[in-house]
PDB file of N, CA and C in Angstrom:
ATOM      1  N   UNK A   1    -102.460  40.564  64.390  1.00  0.00           N
ATOM      2  CA  UNK A   1    -101.977  41.431  65.296  1.00  0.00           C
ATOM      3  C   UNK A   1    -102.718  42.516  65.605  1.00  0.00           C
ATOM      4  N   UNK A   2    -102.916  43.227  64.452  1.00  0.00           N
ATOM      5  CA  UNK A   2    -103.814  44.452  64.710  1.00  0.00           C
ATOM      6  C   UNK A   2    -105.264  44.221  65.485  1.00  0.00           C
ATOM      7  N   UNK A   3    -105.642  42.883  65.351  1.00  0.00           N
ATOM      8  CA  UNK A   3    -107.057  42.730  65.954  1.00  0.00           C
ATOM      9  C   UNK A   3    -106.856  42.806  67.514  1.00  0.00           C
ATOM     10  N   UNK A   4    -105.757  42.401  67.831  1.00  0.00           N
ATOM     11  CA  UNK A   4    -105.360  41.942  69.330  1.00  0.00           C
ATOM     12  C   UNK A   4    -105.077  43.230  69.769  1.00  0.00           C
ATOM     13  N   UNK A   5    -104.524  44.150  68.841  1.00  0.00           N
ATOM     14  CA  UNK A   5    -104.080  45.622  69.481  1.00  0.00           C
ATOM     15  C   UNK A   5    -105.274  46.269  69.792  1.00  0.00           C
ATOM     16  N   UNK A   6    -106.326  45.864  68.981  1.00  0.00           N
ATOM     17  CA  UNK A   6    -107.557  46.526  69.398  1.00  0.00           C
ATOM     18  C   UNK A   6    -108.428  45.925  70.430  1.00  0.00           C
ATOM     19  N   UNK A   7    -108.512  44.661  70.376  1.00  0.00           N
ATOM     20  CA  UNK A   7    -109.297  44.424  71.658  1.00  0.00           C
ATOM     21  C   UNK A   7    -108.829  44.838  73.063  1.00  0.00           C
ATOM     22  N   UNK A   8    -107.358  44.837  72.920  1.00  0.00           N
ATOM     23  CA  UNK A   8    -106.695  45.116  74.516  1.00  0.00           C
ATOM     24  C   UNK A   8    -106.364  46.532  74.437  1.00  0.00           C
ATOM     25  N   UNK A   9    -106.386  47.287  73.361  1.00  0.00           N
ATOM     26  CA  UNK A   9    -106.024  48.583  73.503  1.00  0.00           C
ATOM     27  C   UNK A   9    -104.765  48.955  73.919  1.00  0.00           C
ATOM     28  N   UNK A  10    -103.984  47.982  73.159  1.00  0.00           N
ATOM     29  CA  UNK A  10    -102.513  48.100  73.127  1.00  0.00           C
ATOM     30  C   UNK A  10    -101.688  47.975  71.729  1.00  0.00           C
ATOM     31  N   UNK A  11    -100.546  48.772  71.884  1.00  0.00           N
ATOM     32  CA  UNK A  11     -99.684  48.683  70.618  1.00  0.00           C
ATOM     33  C   UNK A  11     -99.456  47.319  69.975  1.00  0.00           C
ATOM     34  N   UNK A  12     -99.561  47.230  68.858  1.00  0.00           N
ATOM     35  CA  UNK A  12     -99.169  45.730  68.336  1.00  0.00           C
ATOM     36  C   UNK A  12     -97.895  45.365  68.423  1.00  0.00           C
ATOM     37  N   UNK A  13     -96.905  46.421  68.589  1.00  0.00           N
ATOM     38  CA  UNK A  13     -95.286  46.161  68.686  1.00  0.00           C
ATOM     39  C   UNK A  13     -95.007  45.707  70.168  1.00  0.00           C
ATOM     40  N   UNK A  14     -96.000  46.429  71.211  1.00  0.00           N
ATOM     41  CA  UNK A  14     -95.722  46.093  72.588  1.00  0.00           C
ATOM     42  C   UNK A  14     -96.388  44.692  72.839  1.00  0.00           C
ATOM     43  N   UNK A  15     -97.711  44.370  72.206  1.00  0.00           N
ATOM     44  CA  UNK A  15     -98.280  42.967  72.304  1.00  0.00           C
ATOM     45  C   UNK A  15     -96.933  41.983  71.742  1.00  0.00           C
ATOM     46  N   UNK A  16     -96.586  42.109  70.602  1.00  0.00           N
ATOM     47  CA  UNK A  16     -95.596  41.154  70.143  1.00  0.00           C
ATOM     48  C   UNK A  16     -94.496  41.174  71.106  1.00  0.00           C
ATOM     49  N   UNK A  17     -93.752  42.041  71.608  1.00  0.00           N
ATOM     50  CA  UNK A  17     -92.521  42.048  72.363  1.00  0.00           C
ATOM     51  C   UNK A  17     -92.945  41.288  73.694  1.00  0.00           C
ATOM     52  N   UNK A  18     -94.034  42.054  74.145  1.00  0.00           N
ATOM     53  CA  UNK A  18     -94.234  41.215  75.594  1.00  0.00           C
ATOM     54  C   UNK A  18     -94.377  39.597  75.254  1.00  0.00           C
ATOM     55  N   UNK A  19     -95.114  39.297  74.593  1.00  0.00           N
ATOM     56  CA  UNK A  19     -95.244  37.992  74.114  1.00  0.00           C
ATOM     57  C   UNK A  19     -94.089  37.185  74.062  1.00  0.00           C
ATOM     58  N   UNK A  20     -93.479  37.576  73.140  1.00  0.00           N
ATOM     59  CA  UNK A  20     -91.894  36.971  72.745  1.00  0.00           C
ATOM     60  C   UNK A  20     -91.297  36.941  74.165  1.00  0.00           C
ATOM     61  N   UNK A  21     -91.342  38.096  74.924  1.00  0.00           N
ATOM     62  CA  UNK A  21     -90.423  38.115  76.450  1.00  0.00           C
ATOM     63  C   UNK A  21     -91.031  36.971  77.212  1.00  0.00           C
ATOM     64  N   UNK A  22     -92.516  36.866  77.326  1.00  0.00           N
ATOM     65  CA  UNK A  22     -93.215  35.870  78.233  1.00  0.00           C
ATOM     66  C   UNK A  22     -92.830  34.627  77.877  1.00  0.00           C
ATOM     67  N   UNK A  23     -93.015  34.462  76.537  1.00  0.00           N
ATOM     68  CA  UNK A  23     -93.153  32.769  76.094  1.00  0.00           C
ATOM     69  C   UNK A  23     -91.805  32.548  75.172  1.00  0.00           C
ATOM     70  N   UNK A  24     -91.133  33.245  74.915  1.00  0.00           N
ATOM     71  CA  UNK A  24     -89.825  33.143  74.363  1.00  0.00           C
ATOM     72  C   UNK A  24     -90.114  32.655  72.404  1.00  0.00           C
ATOM     73  N   UNK A  25     -91.118  33.026  72.206  1.00  0.00           N
ATOM     74  CA  UNK A  25     -91.514  32.804  70.767  1.00  0.00           C
ATOM     75  C   UNK A  25     -92.640  33.918  70.099  1.00  0.00           C
ATOM     76  N   UNK A  26     -92.622  34.035  68.955  1.00  0.00           N
ATOM     77  CA  UNK A  26     -93.379  34.921  68.445  1.00  0.00           C
ATOM     78  C   UNK A  26     -95.049  34.620  68.418  1.00  0.00           C
ATOM     79  N   UNK A  27     -96.068  35.348  68.546  1.00  0.00           N
ATOM     80  CA  UNK A  27     -97.381  35.036  68.285  1.00  0.00           C
ATOM     81  C   UNK A  27     -97.472  34.399  67.220  1.00  0.00           C
ATOM     82  N   UNK A  28     -97.000  34.735  66.036  1.00  0.00           N
ATOM     83  CA  UNK A  28     -97.320  34.052  64.699  1.00  0.00           C
ATOM     84  C   UNK A  28     -96.552  32.288  64.973  1.00  0.00           C
ATOM     85  N   UNK A  29     -95.446  32.278  65.680  1.00  0.00           N
ATOM     86  CA  UNK A  29     -94.951  30.968  65.778  1.00  0.00           C
ATOM     87  C   UNK A  29     -96.018  30.169  66.559  1.00  0.00           C
ATOM     88  N   UNK A  30     -96.587  30.543  67.691  1.00  0.00           N
ATOM     89  CA  UNK A  30     -97.521  30.005  68.420  1.00  0.00           C
ATOM     90  C   UNK A  30     -98.708  29.548  67.595  1.00  0.00           C
ATOM     91  N   UNK A  31     -99.021  30.555  67.046  1.00  0.00           N
ATOM     92  CA  UNK A  31    -100.336  30.446  65.843  1.00  0.00           C
ATOM     93  C   UNK A  31     -99.950  29.281  65.304  1.00  0.00           C
ATOM     94  N   UNK A  32     -99.091  29.119  64.505  1.00  0.00           N
ATOM     95  CA  UNK A  32     -98.485  28.156  63.641  1.00  0.00           C
ATOM     96  C   UNK A  32     -98.498  26.809  64.303  1.00  0.00           C
ATOM     97  N   UNK A  33     -98.210  26.815  65.390  1.00  0.00           N
ATOM     98  CA  UNK A  33     -97.993  25.691  66.310  1.00  0.00           C
ATOM     99  C   UNK A  33     -99.393  24.827  66.684  1.00  0.00           C
ATOM    100  N   UNK A  34    -100.165  25.789  66.940  1.00  0.00           N
ATOM    101  CA  UNK A  34    -101.801  25.539  67.337  1.00  0.00           C
ATOM    102  C   UNK A  34    -102.260  25.016  66.180  1.00  0.00           C
ATOM    103  N   UNK A  35    -102.123  25.461  64.803  1.00  0.00           N
ATOM    104  CA  UNK A  35    -102.775  25.001  63.606  1.00  0.00           C
ATOM    105  C   UNK A  35    -102.332  24.001  63.364  1.00  0.00           C
ATOM    106  N   UNK A  36    -100.998  23.485  63.624  1.00  0.00           N
ATOM    107  CA  UNK A  36    -100.373  22.145  63.205  1.00  0.00           C
ATOM    108  C   UNK A  36    -100.865  21.193  64.344  1.00  0.00           C
ATOM    109  N   UNK A  37    -100.830  21.276  65.550  1.00  0.00           N
ATOM    110  CA  UNK A  37    -101.588  20.289  66.379  1.00  0.00           C
ATOM    111  C   UNK A  37    -102.972  20.151  66.191  1.00  0.00           C
ATOM    112  N   UNK A  38    -103.795  21.139  65.788  1.00  0.00           N
ATOM    113  CA  UNK A  38    -105.092  20.817  65.656  1.00  0.00           C
ATOM    114  C   UNK A  38    -105.194  20.157  64.228  1.00  0.00           C
ATOM    115  N   UNK A  39    -104.275  20.298  63.115  1.00  0.00           N
ATOM    116  CA  UNK A  39    -104.052  19.468  61.827  1.00  0.00           C
ATOM    117  C   UNK A  39    -103.797  17.700  62.101  1.00  0.00           C
ATOM    118  N   UNK A  40    -102.956  17.857  62.904  1.00  0.00           N
ATOM    119  CA  UNK A  40    -102.376  16.544  63.504  1.00  0.00           C
ATOM    120  C   UNK A  40    -103.688  15.612  63.988  1.00  0.00           C
ATOM    121  N   UNK A  41    -104.427  16.460  64.695  1.00  0.00           N
ATOM    122  CA  UNK A  41    -105.562  15.941  65.687  1.00  0.00           C
ATOM    123  C   UNK A  41    -106.775  15.331  64.456  1.00  0.00           C
ATOM    124  N   UNK A  42    -106.800  16.131  63.314  1.00  0.00           N
ATOM    125  CA  UNK A  42    -107.597  16.241  62.591  1.00  0.00           C
ATOM    126  C   UNK A  42    -107.379  14.848  61.470  1.00  0.00           C
ATOM    127  N   UNK A  43    -106.055  14.798  61.262  1.00  0.00           N
ATOM    128  CA  UNK A  43    -105.408  13.791  60.293  1.00  0.00           C
ATOM    129  C   UNK A  43    -105.822  12.482  60.977  1.00  0.00           C
ATOM    130  N   UNK A  44    -105.338  12.395  62.266  1.00  0.00           N
ATOM    131  CA  UNK A  44    -105.651  10.863  62.879  1.00  0.00           C
ATOM    132  C   UNK A  44    -106.896  10.857  63.205  1.00  0.00           C
ATOM    133  N   UNK A  45    -107.892  11.729  63.400  1.00  0.00           N
ATOM    134  CA  UNK A  45    -109.326  11.136  63.707  1.00  0.00           C
ATOM    135  C   UNK A  45    -110.447  11.273  62.976  1.00  0.00           C
ATOM    136  N   UNK A  46    -110.123  11.897  61.905  1.00  0.00           N
ATOM    137  CA  UNK A  46    -111.245  12.198  60.707  1.00  0.00           C
ATOM    138  C   UNK A  46    -110.484  11.290  59.378  1.00  0.00           C
ATOM    139  N   UNK A  47    -111.769  11.301  58.556  1.00  0.00           N
ATOM    140  CA  UNK A  47    -111.581  11.132  56.988  1.00  0.00           C
ATOM    141  C   UNK A  47    -111.336  12.233  56.157  1.00  0.00           C
ATOM    142  N   UNK A  48    -111.013  13.206  56.602  1.00  0.00           N
ATOM    143  CA  UNK A  48    -110.632  14.396  55.779  1.00  0.00           C
ATOM    144  C   UNK A  48    -109.771  14.141  54.989  1.00  0.00           C
ATOM    145  N   UNK A  49    -109.698  14.740  54.018  1.00  0.00           N
ATOM    146  CA  UNK A  49    -108.374  14.793  52.821  1.00  0.00           C
ATOM    147  C   UNK A  49    -107.424  15.835  53.519  1.00  0.00           C
ATOM    148  N   UNK A  50    -106.137  15.823  53.006  1.00  0.00           N
ATOM    149  CA  UNK A  50    -105.156  16.764  53.518  1.00  0.00           C
ATOM    150  C   UNK A  50    -105.392  18.082  53.039  1.00  0.00           C
ATOM    151  N   UNK A  51    -106.064  18.563  52.091  1.00  0.00           N
ATOM    152  CA  UNK A  51    -106.781  19.851  51.391  1.00  0.00           C
ATOM    153  C   UNK A  51    -107.638  20.123  52.244  1.00  0.00           C
ATOM    154  N   UNK A  52    -108.516  19.406  52.901  1.00  0.00           N
ATOM    155  CA  UNK A  52    -109.632  19.880  53.639  1.00  0.00           C
ATOM    156  C   UNK A  52    -109.098  20.158  55.057  1.00  0.00           C
ATOM    157  N   UNK A  53    -108.089  19.356  55.575  1.00  0.00           N
ATOM    158  CA  UNK A  53    -107.540  19.610  56.737  1.00  0.00           C
ATOM    159  C   UNK A  53    -106.836  20.923  56.893  1.00  0.00           C
ATOM    160  N   UNK A  54    -106.008  21.213  55.510  1.00  0.00           N
ATOM    161  CA  UNK A  54    -105.164  22.375  55.550  1.00  0.00           C
ATOM    162  C   UNK A  54    -106.126  23.500  55.385  1.00  0.00           C
ATOM    163  N   UNK A  55    -107.011  23.690  54.996  1.00  0.00           N
ATOM    164  CA  UNK A  55    -108.263  24.585  54.865  1.00  0.00           C
ATOM    165  C   UNK A  55    -108.806  24.963  56.124  1.00  0.00           C
ATOM    166  N   UNK A  56    -109.000  23.864  56.719  1.00  0.00           N
ATOM    167  CA  UNK A  56    -109.933  24.101  58.164  1.00  0.00           C
ATOM    168  C   UNK A  56    -109.034  24.436  59.112  1.00  0.00           C
ATOM    169  N   UNK A  57    -107.673  24.472  59.299  1.00  0.00           N
ATOM    170  CA  UNK A  57    -106.926  24.907  60.260  1.00  0.00           C
ATOM    171  C   UNK A  57    -106.084  26.327  59.943  1.00  0.00           C
ATOM    172  N   UNK A  58    -106.701  26.835  58.608  1.00  0.00           N
ATOM    173  CA  UNK A  58    -106.178  28.235  58.015  1.00  0.00           C
ATOM    174  C   UNK A  58    -105.103  28.278  57.143  1.00  0.00           C
ATOM    175  N   UNK A  59    -104.791  27.250  56.374  1.00  0.00           N
ATOM    176  CA  UNK A  59    -103.890  27.625  55.395  1.00  0.00           C
ATOM    177  C   UNK A  59    -104.172  27.594  54.262  1.00  0.00           C
ATOM    178  N   UNK A  60    -103.871  28.797  53.237  1.00  0.00           N
ATOM    179  CA  UNK A  60    -104.525  28.663  52.067  1.00  0.00           C
ATOM    180  C   UNK A  60    -103.689  28.177  50.808  1.00  0.00           C
ATOM    181  N   UNK A  61    -102.657  27.340  51.138  1.00  0.00           N
ATOM    182  CA  UNK A  61    -101.803  26.906  50.346  1.00  0.00           C
ATOM    183  C   UNK A  61    -101.619  25.356  51.031  1.00  0.00           C
ATOM    184  N   UNK A  62    -101.860  24.143  50.131  1.00  0.00           N
ATOM    185  CA  UNK A  62    -101.531  22.855  50.674  1.00  0.00           C
ATOM    186  C   UNK A  62     -99.942  22.698  50.692  1.00  0.00           C
ATOM    187  N   UNK A  63     -99.255  23.246  49.720  1.00  0.00           N
ATOM    188  CA  UNK A  63     -97.737  23.128  49.759  1.00  0.00           C
ATOM    189  C   UNK A  63     -96.981  23.616  51.104  1.00  0.00           C
ATOM    190  N   UNK A  64     -97.845  25.101  51.174  1.00  0.00           N
ATOM    191  CA  UNK A  64     -97.189  25.682  52.508  1.00  0.00           C
ATOM    192  C   UNK A  64     -97.359  24.772  53.829  1.00  0.00           C
ATOM    193  N   UNK A  65     -98.602  24.293  53.881  1.00  0.00           N
ATOM    194  CA  UNK A  65     -99.231  23.639  54.947  1.00  0.00           C
ATOM    195  C   UNK A  65     -98.123  22.337  55.246  1.00  0.00           C
ATOM    196  N   UNK A  66     -98.148  21.741  53.954  1.00  0.00           N
ATOM    197  CA  UNK A  66     -97.233  20.488  54.175  1.00  0.00           C
ATOM    198  C   UNK A  66     -95.972  20.723  54.582  1.00  0.00           C
ATOM    199  N   UNK A  67     -95.210  21.598  54.079  1.00  0.00           N
ATOM    200  CA  UNK A  67     -93.950  22.454  54.566  1.00  0.00           C
ATOM    201  C   UNK A  67     -93.864  22.679  55.729  1.00  0.00           C
ATOM    202  N   UNK A  68     -94.738  23.529  56.194  1.00  0.00           N
ATOM    203  CA  UNK A  68     -94.671  23.673  57.646  1.00  0.00           C
ATOM    204  C   UNK A  68     -95.108  22.887  58.597  1.00  0.00           C
ATOM    205  N   UNK A  69     -96.045  21.734  58.145  1.00  0.00           N
ATOM    206  CA  UNK A  69     -96.507  20.512  59.344  1.00  0.00           C
ATOM    207  C   UNK A  69     -95.212  19.842  59.430  1.00  0.00           C
ATOM    208  N   UNK A  70     -94.302  19.575  58.320  1.00  0.00           N
ATOM    209  CA  UNK A  70     -93.251  18.610  58.507  1.00  0.00           C
ATOM    210  C   UNK A  70     -92.006  19.367  59.456  1.00  0.00           C
ATOM    211  N   UNK A  71     -91.942  20.757  59.227  1.00  0.00           N
ATOM    212  CA  UNK A  71     -91.263  21.553  59.972  1.00  0.00           C
ATOM    213  C   UNK A  71     -91.436  21.355  61.634  1.00  0.00           C
ATOM    214  N   UNK A  72     -92.796  21.495  61.985  1.00  0.00           N
ATOM    215  CA  UNK A  72     -93.293  21.352  63.179  1.00  0.00           C
ATOM    216  C   UNK A  72     -93.069  20.007  63.744  1.00  0.00           C
ATOM    217  N   UNK A  73     -93.743  19.262  63.030  1.00  0.00           N
ATOM    218  CA  UNK A  73     -94.230  17.628  63.673  1.00  0.00           C
ATOM    219  C   UNK A  73     -92.991  16.560  63.133  1.00  0.00           C
ATOM    220  N   UNK A  74     -92.339  16.872  62.146  1.00  0.00           N
ATOM    221  CA  UNK A  74     -91.161  15.962  61.584  1.00  0.00           C
ATOM    222  C   UNK A  74     -91.270  14.804  60.764  1.00  0.00           C
ATOM    223  N   UNK A  75     -92.840  15.185  60.461  1.00  0.00           N
ATOM    224  CA  UNK A  75     -93.256  14.181  59.481  1.00  0.00           C
ATOM    225  C   UNK A  75     -93.994  14.937  58.560  1.00  0.00           C
ATOM    226  N   UNK A  76     -94.464  14.400  57.123  1.00  0.00           N
ATOM    227  CA  UNK A  76     -95.501  14.881  56.293  1.00  0.00           C
ATOM    228  C   UNK A  76     -96.722  14.757  56.811  1.00  0.00           C
ATOM    229  N   UNK A  77     -97.781  15.541  56.401  1.00  0.00           N
ATOM    230  CA  UNK A  77     -99.179  14.956  56.790  1.00  0.00           C
ATOM    231  C   UNK A  77     -99.622  13.589  56.097  1.00  0.00           C
ATOM    232  N   UNK A  78     -99.092  13.564  55.356  1.00  0.00           N
ATOM    233  CA  UNK A  78     -99.363  12.139  54.579  1.00  0.00           C
ATOM    234  C   UNK A  78     -98.903  11.045  55.441  1.00  0.00           C
ATOM    235  N   UNK A  79     -97.767  10.934  55.963  1.00  0.00           N
ATOM    236  CA  UNK A  79     -97.136  10.262  56.850  1.00  0.00           C
ATOM    237  C   UNK A  79     -97.974  10.152  57.992  1.00  0.00           C
ATOM    238  N   UNK A  80     -98.669  11.196  58.897  1.00  0.00           N
ATOM    239  CA  UNK A  80     -99.326  11.049  59.765  1.00  0.00           C
ATOM    240  C   UNK A  80    -100.845  10.468  59.699  1.00  0.00           C
ATOM    241  N   UNK A  81    -101.178  10.763  58.349  1.00  0.00           N
ATOM    242  CA  UNK A  81    -102.567  10.157  58.080  1.00  0.00           C
ATOM    243  C   UNK A  81    -102.214   8.745  57.972  1.00  0.00           C
ATOM    244  N   UNK A  82    -101.426   8.170  57.145  1.00  0.00           N
ATOM    245  CA  UNK A  82    -100.799   7.031  56.817  1.00  0.00           C
ATOM    246  C   UNK A  82    -100.521   6.060  58.023  1.00  0.00           C
ATOM    247  N   UNK A  83     -99.923   6.757  59.020  1.00  0.00           N
ATOM    248  CA  UNK A  83     -99.410   5.937  60.161  1.00  0.00           C
ATOM    249  C   UNK A  83    -100.652   5.631  61.215  1.00  0.00           C
ATOM    250  N   UNK A  84    -101.546   6.945  61.342  1.00  0.00           N
ATOM    251  CA  UNK A  84    -102.717   6.699  61.997  1.00  0.00           C
ATOM    252  C   UNK A  84    -103.620   5.583  61.798  1.00  0.00           C
ATOM    253  N   UNK A  85    -103.505   5.065  60.480  1.00  0.00           N
ATOM    254  CA  UNK A  85    -104.479   4.171  60.043  1.00  0.00           C
ATOM    255  C   UNK A  85    -104.173   2.862  60.223  1.00  0.00           C
ATOM    256  N   UNK A  86    -102.844   2.424  60.278  1.00  0.00           N
ATOM    257  CA  UNK A  86    -102.032   1.188  60.763  1.00  0.00           C
ATOM    258  C   UNK A  86    -102.535   0.981  62.248  1.00  0.00           C
ATOM    259  N   UNK A  87    -102.810   2.043  63.025  1.00  0.00           N
ATOM    260  CA  UNK A  87    -102.958   1.503  64.624  1.00  0.00           C
ATOM    261  C   UNK A  87    -104.268   1.075  64.748  1.00  0.00           C
TER     262      UNK A  87
END
């Protein structure tokens, strides 16, 4: 958030409030959703391990990645990877 405020020369609290007012969710929520969407793409289209996918999309903990991914996507990364191999 600090980096955004430096780029746009705006207060980070103002940016956060304006983003939520415009899109109905926080910048962090949007970022997590983008990361999970990219993770889904990588899980389905590459042979990367779940650990490698987690790191590639910006998670430092595989457990945190798995929990967050399941909350967003409704299935675990393992399930996504396994299902994509059956198609």
